[in-house]
Amino acid sequence: MPDASYADPRSISEVRDEVNKLDHEVEAVVEQVNVATENLKAAEKQLRVIQDRVAAQQRSLDALQDEVGIYLTMAYRNAGVDETIQLLTSDDPNLFLDQATTLDQLSTQQADALRRLRLAKQQLDQTKLTARQKLAEIDKVRDDLKAKEAEVRKKLQRANALLSRLTAAQRAALNTPSEPPPATQQSTTPTPSVPASGRAKLAVNFAYAQLGKPYQWAADGPGSYDCSGLTMAAWRAAGVSLPHSSGLQYGYGSHVSQSQLQPGDLVFFYSPISHVGIYIGGGKMIHAPHPGDVVKITSISGSYMPFVGATRPG
């Protein structure tokens, strides 16, 4: 049974403010999750490059070791340099290369092969060290992600606990009214007064087709979205690649003022940036607002979200 105190309009207003505050906190943490995820993808890609380099350097080293093995056999047969063989086959073959007197016993070609072997070993050791460092970096990012995801769930639980104390009518009263959608939710016609064109039209059309789908943090479709997941997917449909992060998306494309907005532009909110929508003309945007809500049309002004800037991808 909901607490009767929440029937008071002032209490409803307090709940609205608290839920809005929690929604913003959730989005801020989700933004951190998305940035961490982007960093993880980049680190894993770099690791694959490093691992490929390790494999190539290992093959090169193996070939050089085969070549040096031939020289060892020749040196043993021709000069009986038992000490040389022992040095080169020890756990520290570089020790041999530091012995100038021993090098005198080898031909220039043989000495060059040994120097190349030492260099190859040094390069391989350094690359393996880089790989270990990258793995440690990836492990840290994964740990950070787990912590952030736990923080998101905790904040969502707090918001849900607040809402659970209200009646259905009271919960409905908390929802910020959204602008009515087009005649059908699948309509792909942008506001006629500010028509979209080219890639922007494809992005706007895609966004219209997602109306009514639920918000899900860290999701980029096809059944649910968070704010930057929606804008990323919309522009992906137009052939433009964007990162899954509202803050990172602000760095893509050209910046435009609010008075210059055109359909397809990305509009950003809060400082630091933690929310993004796609402009559709007439002062309106399509966006995935917050957990518990759906992809909808709202005004870019007059809401509790402070507008901070816009970009034009493509």
C-alpha atoms as a PDB file:
ATOM      1  CA  MET A   1       0.000   0.000   0.000  1.00  0.00           C
ATOM      2  CA  PRO A   2       1.629   3.277  -1.052  1.00  0.00           C
ATOM      3  CA  ASP A   3       2.413   5.790   1.665  1.00  0.00           C
ATOM      4  CA  ALA A   4      -0.522   8.219   1.888  1.00  0.00           C
ATOM      5  CA  SER A   5       1.882  11.131   2.247  1.00  0.00           C
ATOM      6  CA  TYR A   6       2.730  10.796  -1.452  1.00  0.00           C
ATOM      7  CA  ALA A   7      -0.782  11.951  -2.347  1.00  0.00           C
ATOM      8  CA  ASP A   8       0.314  15.438  -1.377  1.00  0.00           C
ATOM      9  CA  PRO A   9       1.270  17.364  -4.571  1.00  0.00           C
ATOM     10  CA  ARG A  10       4.293  18.769  -2.793  1.00  0.00           C
ATOM     11  CA  SER A  11       5.459  15.232  -1.993  1.00  0.00           C
ATOM     12  CA  ILE A  12       4.837  14.192  -5.597  1.00  0.00           C
ATOM     13  CA  SER A  13       7.008  17.109  -6.674  1.00  0.00           C
ATOM     14  CA  GLU A  14       9.725  16.006  -4.289  1.00  0.00           C
ATOM     15  CA  VAL A  15       9.596  12.488  -5.683  1.00  0.00           C
ATOM     16  CA  ARG A  16       9.749  13.893  -9.222  1.00  0.00           C
ATOM     17  CA  ASP A  17      12.854  15.901  -8.322  1.00  0.00           C
ATOM     18  CA  GLU A  18      14.496  12.920  -6.640  1.00  0.00           C
ATOM     19  CA  VAL A  19      13.707  10.555  -9.514  1.00  0.00           C
ATOM     20  CA  ASN A  20      14.955  13.100 -12.058  1.00  0.00           C
ATOM     21  CA  LYS A  21      18.126  13.479 -10.003  1.00  0.00           C
ATOM     22  CA  LEU A  22      18.617   9.716  -9.899  1.00  0.00           C
ATOM     23  CA  ASP A  23      17.879   9.407 -13.625  1.00  0.00           C
ATOM     24  CA  HIS A  24      20.577  11.969 -14.348  1.00  0.00           C
ATOM     25  CA  GLU A  25      23.010  10.221 -12.017  1.00  0.00           C
ATOM     26  CA  VAL A  26      22.271   6.933 -13.768  1.00  0.00           C
ATOM     27  CA  GLU A  27      22.878   8.512 -17.182  1.00  0.00           C
ATOM     28  CA  ALA A  28      26.127  10.039 -15.955  1.00  0.00           C
ATOM     29  CA  VAL A  29      27.343   6.626 -14.778  1.00  0.00           C
ATOM     30  CA  VAL A  30      26.048   4.947 -17.950  1.00  0.00           C
ATOM     31  CA  GLU A  31      28.101   7.493 -19.898  1.00  0.00           C
ATOM     32  CA  GLN A  32      31.163   6.381 -17.921  1.00  0.00           C
ATOM     33  CA  VAL A  33      30.270   2.757 -18.659  1.00  0.00           C
ATOM     34  CA  ASN A  34      29.989   3.532 -22.366  1.00  0.00           C
ATOM     35  CA  VAL A  35      33.324   5.380 -22.411  1.00  0.00           C
ATOM     36  CA  ALA A  36      34.968   2.480 -20.560  1.00  0.00           C
ATOM     37  CA  THR A  37      33.452   0.049 -23.044  1.00  0.00           C
ATOM     38  CA  GLU A  38      34.797   2.090 -25.960  1.00  0.00           C
ATOM     39  CA  ASN A  39      38.219   2.153 -24.282  1.00  0.00           C
ATOM     40  CA  LEU A  40      38.026  -1.603 -23.765  1.00  0.00           C
ATOM     41  CA  LYS A  41      37.256  -2.169 -27.447  1.00  0.00           C
ATOM     42  CA  ALA A  42      40.200   0.029 -28.441  1.00  0.00           C
ATOM     43  CA  ALA A  43      42.550  -1.716 -25.993  1.00  0.00           C
ATOM     44  CA  GLU A  44      41.489  -5.164 -27.202  1.00  0.00           C
ATOM     45  CA  LYS A  45      42.048  -4.087 -30.799  1.00  0.00           C
ATOM     46  CA  GLN A  46      45.516  -2.808 -29.895  1.00  0.00           C
ATOM     47  CA  LEU A  47      46.239  -6.058 -28.072  1.00  0.00           C
ATOM     48  CA  ARG A  48      45.383  -8.077 -31.184  1.00  0.00           C
ATOM     49  CA  VAL A  49      47.849  -5.961 -33.175  1.00  0.00           C
ATOM     50  CA  ILE A  50      50.524  -6.483 -30.514  1.00  0.00           C
ATOM     51  CA  GLN A  51      49.876 -10.233 -30.402  1.00  0.00           C
ATOM     52  CA  ASP A  52      50.197 -10.408 -34.194  1.00  0.00           C
ATOM     53  CA  ARG A  53      53.500  -8.553 -33.863  1.00  0.00           C
ATOM     54  CA  VAL A  54      54.693 -11.032 -31.212  1.00  0.00           C
ATOM     55  CA  ALA A  55      53.874 -13.938 -33.525  1.00  0.00           C
ATOM     56  CA  ALA A  56      55.683 -12.326 -36.470  1.00  0.00           C
ATOM     57  CA  GLN A  57      58.719 -11.496 -34.361  1.00  0.00           C
ATOM     58  CA  GLN A  58      58.782 -15.026 -32.956  1.00  0.00           C
ATOM     59  CA  ARG A  59      58.814 -16.451 -36.488  1.00  0.00           C
ATOM     60  CA  SER A  60      61.662 -14.115 -37.401  1.00  0.00           C
ATOM     61  CA  LEU A  61      63.562 -15.092 -34.275  1.00  0.00           C
ATOM     62  CA  ASP A  62      63.077 -18.798 -34.970  1.00  0.00           C
ATOM     63  CA  ALA A  63      64.494 -18.331 -38.468  1.00  0.00           C
ATOM     64  CA  LEU A  64      67.513 -16.449 -37.107  1.00  0.00           C
ATOM     65  CA  GLN A  65      68.100 -19.116 -34.475  1.00  0.00           C
ATOM     66  CA  ASP A  66      68.122 -21.744 -37.219  1.00  0.00           C
ATOM     67  CA  GLU A  67      70.644 -19.663 -39.139  1.00  0.00           C
ATOM     68  CA  VAL A  68      72.844 -19.211 -36.081  1.00  0.00           C
ATOM     69  CA  GLY A  69      72.599 -22.933 -35.375  1.00  0.00           C
ATOM     70  CA  ILE A  70      74.202 -23.603 -38.737  1.00  0.00           C
ATOM     71  CA  TYR A  71      77.034 -21.220 -37.874  1.00  0.00           C
ATOM     72  CA  LEU A  72      77.481 -22.925 -34.511  1.00  0.00           C
ATOM     73  CA  THR A  73      77.910 -26.264 -36.208  1.00  0.00           C
ATOM     74  CA  MET A  74      80.399 -24.773 -38.673  1.00  0.00           C
ATOM     75  CA  ALA A  75      82.318 -23.064 -35.858  1.00  0.00           C
ATOM     76  CA  TYR A  76      82.536 -26.270 -33.881  1.00  0.00           C
ATOM     77  CA  ARG A  77      83.751 -28.301 -36.837  1.00  0.00           C
ATOM     78  CA  ASN A  78      86.228 -25.708 -38.047  1.00  0.00           C
ATOM     79  CA  ALA A  79      87.579 -24.290 -34.838  1.00  0.00           C
ATOM     80  CA  GLY A  80      86.294 -26.426 -32.011  1.00  0.00           C
ATOM     81  CA  VAL A  81      85.026 -23.424 -30.101  1.00  0.00           C
ATOM     82  CA  ASP A  82      83.306 -25.393 -27.352  1.00  0.00           C
ATOM     83  CA  GLU A  83      83.058 -22.302 -25.143  1.00  0.00           C
ATOM     84  CA  THR A  84      81.338 -20.409 -27.940  1.00  0.00           C
ATOM     85  CA  ILE A  85      78.726 -23.132 -28.317  1.00  0.00           C
ATOM     86  CA  GLN A  86      78.114 -23.200 -24.575  1.00  0.00           C
ATOM     87  CA  LEU A  87      77.611 -19.453 -24.473  1.00  0.00           C
ATOM     88  CA  LEU A  88      75.227 -19.368 -27.432  1.00  0.00           C
ATOM     89  CA  THR A  89      73.128 -22.252 -26.162  1.00  0.00           C
ATOM     90  CA  SER A  90      72.885 -20.930 -22.602  1.00  0.00           C
ATOM     91  CA  ASP A  91      69.843 -19.208 -21.137  1.00  0.00           C
ATOM     92  CA  ASP A  92      71.603 -15.891 -21.779  1.00  0.00           C
ATOM     93  CA  PRO A  93      72.850 -16.000 -25.399  1.00  0.00           C
ATOM     94  CA  ASN A  94      73.409 -12.240 -25.282  1.00  0.00           C
ATOM     95  CA  LEU A  95      76.347 -12.984 -23.026  1.00  0.00           C
ATOM     96  CA  PHE A  96      78.195 -14.341 -26.043  1.00  0.00           C
ATOM     97  CA  LEU A  97      77.656 -11.155 -28.016  1.00  0.00           C
ATOM     98  CA  ASP A  98      79.305  -9.129 -25.287  1.00  0.00           C
ATOM     99  CA  GLN A  99      82.530 -11.079 -25.668  1.00  0.00           C
ATOM    100  CA  ALA A 100      84.553  -9.258 -28.328  1.00  0.00           C
ATOM    101  CA  THR A 101      87.337 -11.783 -28.222  1.00  0.00           C
ATOM    102  CA  THR A 102      84.910 -14.589 -29.061  1.00  0.00           C
ATOM    103  CA  LEU A 103      83.430 -12.584 -31.943  1.00  0.00           C
ATOM    104  CA  ASP A 104      86.888 -12.440 -33.461  1.00  0.00           C
ATOM    105  CA  GLN A 105      86.608 -16.165 -34.069  1.00  0.00           C
ATOM    106  CA  LEU A 106      83.587 -15.700 -36.340  1.00  0.00           C
ATOM    107  CA  SER A 107      83.290 -14.383 -39.837  1.00  0.00           C
ATOM    108  CA  THR A 108      81.656 -11.016 -40.483  1.00  0.00           C
ATOM    109  CA  GLN A 109      78.581 -12.791 -41.852  1.00  0.00           C
ATOM    110  CA  GLN A 110      78.308 -14.985 -38.785  1.00  0.00           C
ATOM    111  CA  ALA A 111      78.774 -12.072 -36.385  1.00  0.00           C
ATOM    112  CA  ASP A 112      76.087 -10.095 -38.251  1.00  0.00           C
ATOM    113  CA  ALA A 113      73.650 -12.991 -37.883  1.00  0.00           C
ATOM    114  CA  LEU A 114      74.321 -13.112 -34.153  1.00  0.00           C
ATOM    115  CA  ARG A 115      73.796  -9.377 -33.766  1.00  0.00           C
ATOM    116  CA  ARG A 116      70.496  -9.667 -35.617  1.00  0.00           C
ATOM    117  CA  LEU A 117      69.546 -12.515 -33.308  1.00  0.00           C
ATOM    118  CA  ARG A 118      70.211 -10.398 -30.238  1.00  0.00           C
ATOM    119  CA  LEU A 119      68.218  -7.482 -31.684  1.00  0.00           C
ATOM    120  CA  ALA A 120      65.337  -9.802 -32.551  1.00  0.00           C
ATOM    121  CA  LYS A 121      65.315 -11.170 -29.007  1.00  0.00           C
ATOM    122  CA  GLN A 122      65.286  -7.651 -27.555  1.00  0.00           C
ATOM    123  CA  GLN A 123      62.427  -6.613 -29.820  1.00  0.00           C
ATOM    124  CA  LEU A 124      60.422  -9.713 -28.969  1.00  0.00           C
ATOM    125  CA  ASP A 125      60.972  -9.219 -25.235  1.00  0.00           C
ATOM    126  CA  GLN A 126      59.829  -5.590 -25.508  1.00  0.00           C
ATOM    127  CA  THR A 127      56.738  -6.518 -27.506  1.00  0.00           C
ATOM    128  CA  LYS A 128      55.844  -9.226 -24.995  1.00  0.00           C
ATOM    129  CA  LEU A 129      56.209  -6.648 -22.219  1.00  0.00           C
ATOM    130  CA  THR A 130      53.887  -4.298 -24.122  1.00  0.00           C
ATOM    131  CA  ALA A 131      51.373  -7.130 -24.471  1.00  0.00           C
ATOM    132  CA  ARG A 132      51.487  -7.814 -20.727  1.00  0.00           C
ATOM    133  CA  GLN A 133      50.959  -4.118 -19.990  1.00  0.00           C
ATOM    134  CA  LYS A 134      48.005  -3.984 -22.393  1.00  0.00           C
ATOM    135  CA  LEU A 135      46.480  -7.069 -20.753  1.00  0.00           C
ATOM    136  CA  ALA A 136      46.823  -5.400 -17.344  1.00  0.00           C
ATOM    137  CA  GLU A 137      45.150  -2.287 -18.748  1.00  0.00           C
ATOM    138  CA  ILE A 138      42.273  -4.361 -20.118  1.00  0.00           C
ATOM    139  CA  ASP A 139      41.842  -6.141 -16.774  1.00  0.00           C
ATOM    140  CA  LYS A 140      41.640  -2.762 -15.002  1.00  0.00           C
ATOM    141  CA  VAL A 141      39.037  -1.436 -17.459  1.00  0.00           C
ATOM    142  CA  ARG A 142      36.972  -4.586 -16.958  1.00  0.00           C
ATOM    143  CA  ASP A 143      37.147  -4.151 -13.187  1.00  0.00           C
ATOM    144  CA  ASP A 144      36.092  -0.512 -13.553  1.00  0.00           C
ATOM    145  CA  LEU A 145      33.183  -1.589 -15.758  1.00  0.00           C
ATOM    146  CA  LYS A 146      31.952  -4.057 -13.154  1.00  0.00           C
ATOM    147  CA  ALA A 147      32.090  -1.353 -10.476  1.00  0.00           C
ATOM    148  CA  LYS A 148      30.231   1.151 -12.652  1.00  0.00           C
ATOM    149  CA  GLU A 149      27.581  -1.383 -13.627  1.00  0.00           C
ATOM    150  CA  ALA A 150      27.027  -2.149  -9.937  1.00  0.00           C
ATOM    151  CA  GLU A 151      26.658   1.582  -9.284  1.00  0.00           C
ATOM    152  CA  VAL A 152      24.041   1.874 -12.055  1.00  0.00           C
ATOM    153  CA  ARG A 153      22.030  -1.002 -10.602  1.00  0.00           C
ATOM    154  CA  LYS A 154      22.171   0.529  -7.124  1.00  0.00           C
ATOM    155  CA  LYS A 155      20.847   3.875  -8.370  1.00  0.00           C
ATOM    156  CA  LEU A 156      18.126   2.169 -10.404  1.00  0.00           C
ATOM    157  CA  GLN A 157      17.054   0.247  -7.299  1.00  0.00           C
ATOM    158  CA  ARG A 158      16.772   3.530  -5.373  1.00  0.00           C
ATOM    159  CA  ALA A 159      14.641   5.085  -8.116  1.00  0.00           C
ATOM    160  CA  ASN A 160      12.435   2.000  -8.353  1.00  0.00           C
ATOM    161  CA  ALA A 161      12.004   1.960  -4.573  1.00  0.00           C
ATOM    162  CA  LEU A 162      10.746   5.532  -4.694  1.00  0.00           C
ATOM    163  CA  LEU A 163       8.348   4.779  -7.536  1.00  0.00           C
ATOM    164  CA  SER A 164       7.047   1.608  -5.921  1.00  0.00           C
ATOM    165  CA  ARG A 165       5.623   3.707  -3.075  1.00  0.00           C
ATOM    166  CA  LEU A 166       3.309   5.552  -5.477  1.00  0.00           C
ATOM    167  CA  THR A 167       0.008   4.584  -7.026  1.00  0.00           C
ATOM    168  CA  ALA A 168      -0.178   4.052 -10.786  1.00  0.00           C
ATOM    169  CA  ALA A 169      -1.843   7.451 -11.158  1.00  0.00           C
ATOM    170  CA  GLN A 170       0.875   9.140  -9.128  1.00  0.00           C
ATOM    171  CA  ARG A 171       3.601   7.448 -11.183  1.00  0.00           C
ATOM    172  CA  ALA A 172       1.885   8.645 -14.366  1.00  0.00           C
ATOM    173  CA  ALA A 173       1.896  12.177 -12.987  1.00  0.00           C
ATOM    174  CA  LEU A 174       5.695  12.020 -12.676  1.00  0.00           C
ATOM    175  CA  ASN A 175       6.256  11.471 -16.387  1.00  0.00           C
ATOM    176  CA  THR A 176       7.308  14.543 -18.286  1.00  0.00           C
ATOM    177  CA  PRO A 177       4.772  14.938 -21.095  1.00  0.00           C
ATOM    178  CA  SER A 178       6.294  14.134 -24.473  1.00  0.00           C
ATOM    179  CA  GLU A 179       5.387  15.664 -27.792  1.00  0.00           C
ATOM    180  CA  PRO A 180       2.838  13.624 -29.733  1.00  0.00           C
ATOM    181  CA  PRO A 181       4.434  11.343 -32.340  1.00  0.00           C
ATOM    182  CA  PRO A 182       3.508  11.448 -36.008  1.00  0.00           C
ATOM    183  CA  ALA A 183       0.216   9.909 -37.163  1.00  0.00           C
ATOM    184  CA  THR A 184       1.841   6.458 -36.975  1.00  0.00           C
ATOM    185  CA  GLN A 185       4.883   5.619 -34.906  1.00  0.00           C
ATOM    186  CA  GLN A 186       6.585   4.188 -37.947  1.00  0.00           C
ATOM    187  CA  SER A 187       6.186   7.419 -39.920  1.00  0.00           C
ATOM    188  CA  THR A 188       9.439   8.501 -41.510  1.00  0.00           C
ATOM    189  CA  THR A 189       8.442  12.049 -42.435  1.00  0.00           C
ATOM    190  CA  PRO A 190      10.440  14.702 -40.555  1.00  0.00           C
ATOM    191  CA  THR A 191       8.954  18.066 -39.650  1.00  0.00           C
ATOM    192  CA  PRO A 192       7.944  19.549 -43.034  1.00  0.00           C
ATOM    193  CA  SER A 193       9.142  23.061 -42.160  1.00  0.00           C
ATOM    194  CA  VAL A 194      12.739  21.880 -41.715  1.00  0.00           C
ATOM    195  CA  PRO A 195      13.182  18.930 -44.099  1.00  0.00           C
ATOM    196  CA  ALA A 196      16.075  16.541 -43.753  1.00  0.00           C
ATOM    197  CA  SER A 197      18.108  15.385 -46.722  1.00  0.00           C
ATOM    198  CA  GLY A 198      20.891  12.985 -47.631  1.00  0.00           C
ATOM    199  CA  ARG A 199      22.402  11.006 -44.795  1.00  0.00           C
ATOM    200  CA  ALA A 200      20.646  13.137 -42.194  1.00  0.00           C
ATOM    201  CA  LYS A 201      17.282  12.019 -43.584  1.00  0.00           C
ATOM    202  CA  LEU A 202      18.289   8.377 -43.252  1.00  0.00           C
ATOM    203  CA  ALA A 203      19.322   8.970 -39.627  1.00  0.00           C
ATOM    204  CA  VAL A 204      16.088  10.810 -38.799  1.00  0.00           C
ATOM    205  CA  ASN A 205      13.965   8.164 -40.508  1.00  0.00           C
ATOM    206  CA  PHE A 206      15.693   5.469 -38.474  1.00  0.00           C
ATOM    207  CA  ALA A 207      15.080   7.384 -35.235  1.00  0.00           C
ATOM    208  CA  TYR A 208      11.365   7.741 -36.021  1.00  0.00           C
ATOM    209  CA  ALA A 209      11.126   3.992 -36.538  1.00  0.00           C
ATOM    210  CA  GLN A 210      12.428   3.387 -32.987  1.00  0.00           C
ATOM    211  CA  LEU A 211       9.695   5.402 -31.227  1.00  0.00           C
ATOM    212  CA  GLY A 212       8.176   3.497 -28.342  1.00  0.00           C
ATOM    213  CA  LYS A 213      11.101   1.116 -27.837  1.00  0.00           C
ATOM    214  CA  PRO A 214      12.320   0.896 -24.224  1.00  0.00           C
ATOM    215  CA  TYR A 215      15.366   2.536 -22.731  1.00  0.00           C
ATOM    216  CA  GLN A 216      18.040   0.054 -21.742  1.00  0.00           C
ATOM    217  CA  TRP A 217      21.392   1.264 -20.521  1.00  0.00           C
ATOM    218  CA  ALA A 218      24.368   0.333 -22.727  1.00  0.00           C
ATOM    219  CA  ALA A 219      21.985  -0.908 -25.475  1.00  0.00           C
ATOM    220  CA  ASP A 220      22.215   0.087 -29.133  1.00  0.00           C
ATOM    221  CA  GLY A 221      19.258  -1.818 -30.587  1.00  0.00           C
ATOM    222  CA  PRO A 222      17.461  -3.282 -32.199  1.00  0.00           C
ATOM    223  CA  GLY A 223      14.925  -3.771 -29.414  1.00  0.00           C
ATOM    224  CA  SER A 224      16.098  -1.165 -26.896  1.00  0.00           C
ATOM    225  CA  TYR A 225      18.490   1.770 -26.589  1.00  0.00           C
ATOM    226  CA  ASP A 226      20.226   4.156 -24.282  1.00  0.00           C
ATOM    227  CA  CYS A 227      20.634   7.735 -25.474  1.00  0.00           C
ATOM    228  CA  SER A 228      23.955   7.429 -27.303  1.00  0.00           C
ATOM    229  CA  GLY A 229      23.072   3.918 -28.469  1.00  0.00           C
ATOM    230  CA  LEU A 230      20.077   5.376 -30.311  1.00  0.00           C
ATOM    231  CA  THR A 231      22.007   8.193 -31.984  1.00  0.00           C
ATOM    232  CA  MET A 232      24.861   5.831 -32.859  1.00  0.00           C
ATOM    233  CA  ALA A 233      22.422   3.375 -34.446  1.00  0.00           C
ATOM    234  CA  ALA A 234      20.577   6.149 -36.307  1.00  0.00           C
ATOM    235  CA  TRP A 235      23.722   7.500 -37.911  1.00  0.00           C
ATOM    236  CA  ARG A 236      25.047   3.989 -38.490  1.00  0.00           C
ATOM    237  CA  ALA A 237      21.948   3.444 -40.632  1.00  0.00           C
ATOM    238  CA  ALA A 238      23.120   6.466 -42.611  1.00  0.00           C
ATOM    239  CA  GLY A 239      26.613   5.009 -43.086  1.00  0.00           C
ATOM    240  CA  VAL A 240      28.367   7.096 -40.407  1.00  0.00           C
ATOM    241  CA  SER A 241      30.274   5.451 -37.559  1.00  0.00           C
ATOM    242  CA  LEU A 242      29.998   7.044 -34.111  1.00  0.00           C
ATOM    243  CA  PRO A 243      31.237   5.825 -30.700  1.00  0.00           C
ATOM    244  CA  HIS A 244      28.732   4.612 -28.119  1.00  0.00           C
ATOM    245  CA  SER A 245      29.157   7.595 -25.818  1.00  0.00           C
ATOM    246  CA  SER A 246      27.417  10.967 -25.767  1.00  0.00           C
ATOM    247  CA  GLY A 247      30.596  12.726 -24.637  1.00  0.00           C
ATOM    248  CA  LEU A 248      32.683  11.107 -27.381  1.00  0.00           C
ATOM    249  CA  GLN A 249      29.990  11.765 -30.008  1.00  0.00           C
ATOM    250  CA  TYR A 250      30.311  15.484 -29.242  1.00  0.00           C
ATOM    251  CA  GLY A 251      33.770  15.313 -30.785  1.00  0.00           C
ATOM    252  CA  TYR A 252      32.483  14.010 -34.132  1.00  0.00           C
ATOM    253  CA  GLY A 253      31.322  16.190 -37.002  1.00  0.00           C
ATOM    254  CA  SER A 254      31.089  19.993 -37.046  1.00  0.00           C
ATOM    255  CA  HIS A 255      29.668  22.012 -34.174  1.00  0.00           C
ATOM    256  CA  VAL A 256      26.573  24.089 -34.852  1.00  0.00           C
ATOM    257  CA  SER A 257      24.678  26.634 -32.765  1.00  0.00           C
ATOM    258  CA  GLN A 258      21.150  26.043 -31.551  1.00  0.00           C
ATOM    259  CA  SER A 259      19.852  28.579 -34.085  1.00  0.00           C
ATOM    260  CA  GLN A 260      21.503  26.615 -36.941  1.00  0.00           C
ATOM    261  CA  LEU A 261      20.066  23.214 -36.056  1.00  0.00           C
ATOM    262  CA  GLN A 262      18.915  20.958 -38.875  1.00  0.00           C
ATOM    263  CA  PRO A 263      17.216  17.531 -38.723  1.00  0.00           C
ATOM    264  CA  GLY A 264      19.782  14.846 -38.073  1.00  0.00           C
ATOM    265  CA  ASP A 265      22.003  17.027 -35.895  1.00  0.00           C
ATOM    266  CA  LEU A 266      22.964  15.625 -32.515  1.00  0.00           C
ATOM    267  CA  VAL A 267      21.917  17.708 -29.519  1.00  0.00           C
ATOM    268  CA  PHE A 268      23.740  17.364 -26.200  1.00  0.00           C
ATOM    269  CA  PHE A 269      22.790  18.040 -22.595  1.00  0.00           C
ATOM    270  CA  TYR A 270      24.450  18.519 -19.193  1.00  0.00           C
ATOM    271  CA  SER A 271      28.001  19.452 -18.324  1.00  0.00           C
ATOM    272  CA  PRO A 272      29.889  17.187 -18.439  1.00  0.00           C
ATOM    273  CA  ILE A 273      27.860  15.808 -21.340  1.00  0.00           C
ATOM    274  CA  SER A 274      25.808  12.756 -20.394  1.00  0.00           C
ATOM    275  CA  HIS A 275      22.782  12.854 -22.718  1.00  0.00           C
ATOM    276  CA  VAL A 276      22.232  13.133 -26.461  1.00  0.00           C
ATOM    277  CA  GLY A 277      19.273  13.142 -28.825  1.00  0.00           C
ATOM    278  CA  ILE A 278      18.743  13.503 -32.573  1.00  0.00           C
ATOM    279  CA  TYR A 279      17.140  16.736 -33.756  1.00  0.00           C
ATOM    280  CA  ILE A 280      14.092  16.381 -36.020  1.00  0.00           C
ATOM    281  CA  GLY A 281      13.191  20.047 -36.577  1.00  0.00           C
ATOM    282  CA  GLY A 282      10.716  22.418 -34.984  1.00  0.00           C
ATOM    283  CA  GLY A 283      12.687  22.567 -31.748  1.00  0.00           C
ATOM    284  CA  LYS A 284      12.134  18.851 -31.125  1.00  0.00           C
ATOM    285  CA  MET A 285      14.290  15.774 -30.824  1.00  0.00           C
ATOM    286  CA  ILE A 286      13.936  12.011 -30.657  1.00  0.00           C
ATOM    287  CA  HIS A 287      15.830  10.498 -27.735  1.00  0.00           C
ATOM    288  CA  ALA A 288      15.952   7.623 -25.263  1.00  0.00           C
ATOM    289  CA  PRO A 289      15.345   9.552 -22.028  1.00  0.00           C
ATOM    290  CA  HIS A 290      16.129   7.294 -19.068  1.00  0.00           C
ATOM    291  CA  PRO A 291      15.427   3.890 -17.483  1.00  0.00           C
ATOM    292  CA  GLY A 292      11.721   3.152 -17.285  1.00  0.00           C
ATOM    293  CA  ASP A 293      10.928   5.332 -20.293  1.00  0.00           C
ATOM    294  CA  VAL A 294      10.797   4.763 -24.053  1.00  0.00           C
ATOM    295  CA  VAL A 295      12.230   6.387 -27.163  1.00  0.00           C
ATOM    296  CA  LYS A 296      10.101   9.494 -27.636  1.00  0.00           C
ATOM    297  CA  ILE A 297       9.808  12.977 -29.076  1.00  0.00           C
ATOM    298  CA  THR A 298      10.348  15.939 -26.751  1.00  0.00           C
ATOM    299  CA  SER A 299      11.325  19.584 -26.983  1.00  0.00           C
ATOM    300  CA  ILE A 300      15.035  20.348 -26.695  1.00  0.00           C
ATOM    301  CA  SER A 301      14.258  23.354 -24.492  1.00  0.00           C
ATOM    302  CA  GLY A 302      12.128  23.897 -21.457  1.00  0.00           C
ATOM    303  CA  SER A 303      13.064  20.557 -19.907  1.00  0.00           C
ATOM    304  CA  TYR A 304      15.105  19.889 -16.801  1.00  0.00           C
ATOM    305  CA  MET A 305      18.016  18.909 -19.085  1.00  0.00           C
ATOM    306  CA  PRO A 306      20.308  21.871 -19.834  1.00  0.00           C
ATOM    307  CA  PHE A 307      21.221  22.126 -23.542  1.00  0.00           C
ATOM    308  CA  VAL A 308      24.988  22.488 -24.032  1.00  0.00           C
ATOM    309  CA  GLY A 309      25.652  22.129 -27.769  1.00  0.00           C
ATOM    310  CA  ALA A 310      25.103  20.337 -31.053  1.00  0.00           C
ATOM    311  CA  THR A 311      27.090  18.661 -33.799  1.00  0.00           C
ATOM    312  CA  ARG A 312      26.407  17.694 -37.398  1.00  0.00           C
ATOM    313  CA  PRO A 313      27.836  14.236 -38.190  1.00  0.00           C
ATOM    314  CA  GLY A 314      28.732  13.065 -41.658  1.00  0.00           C
END
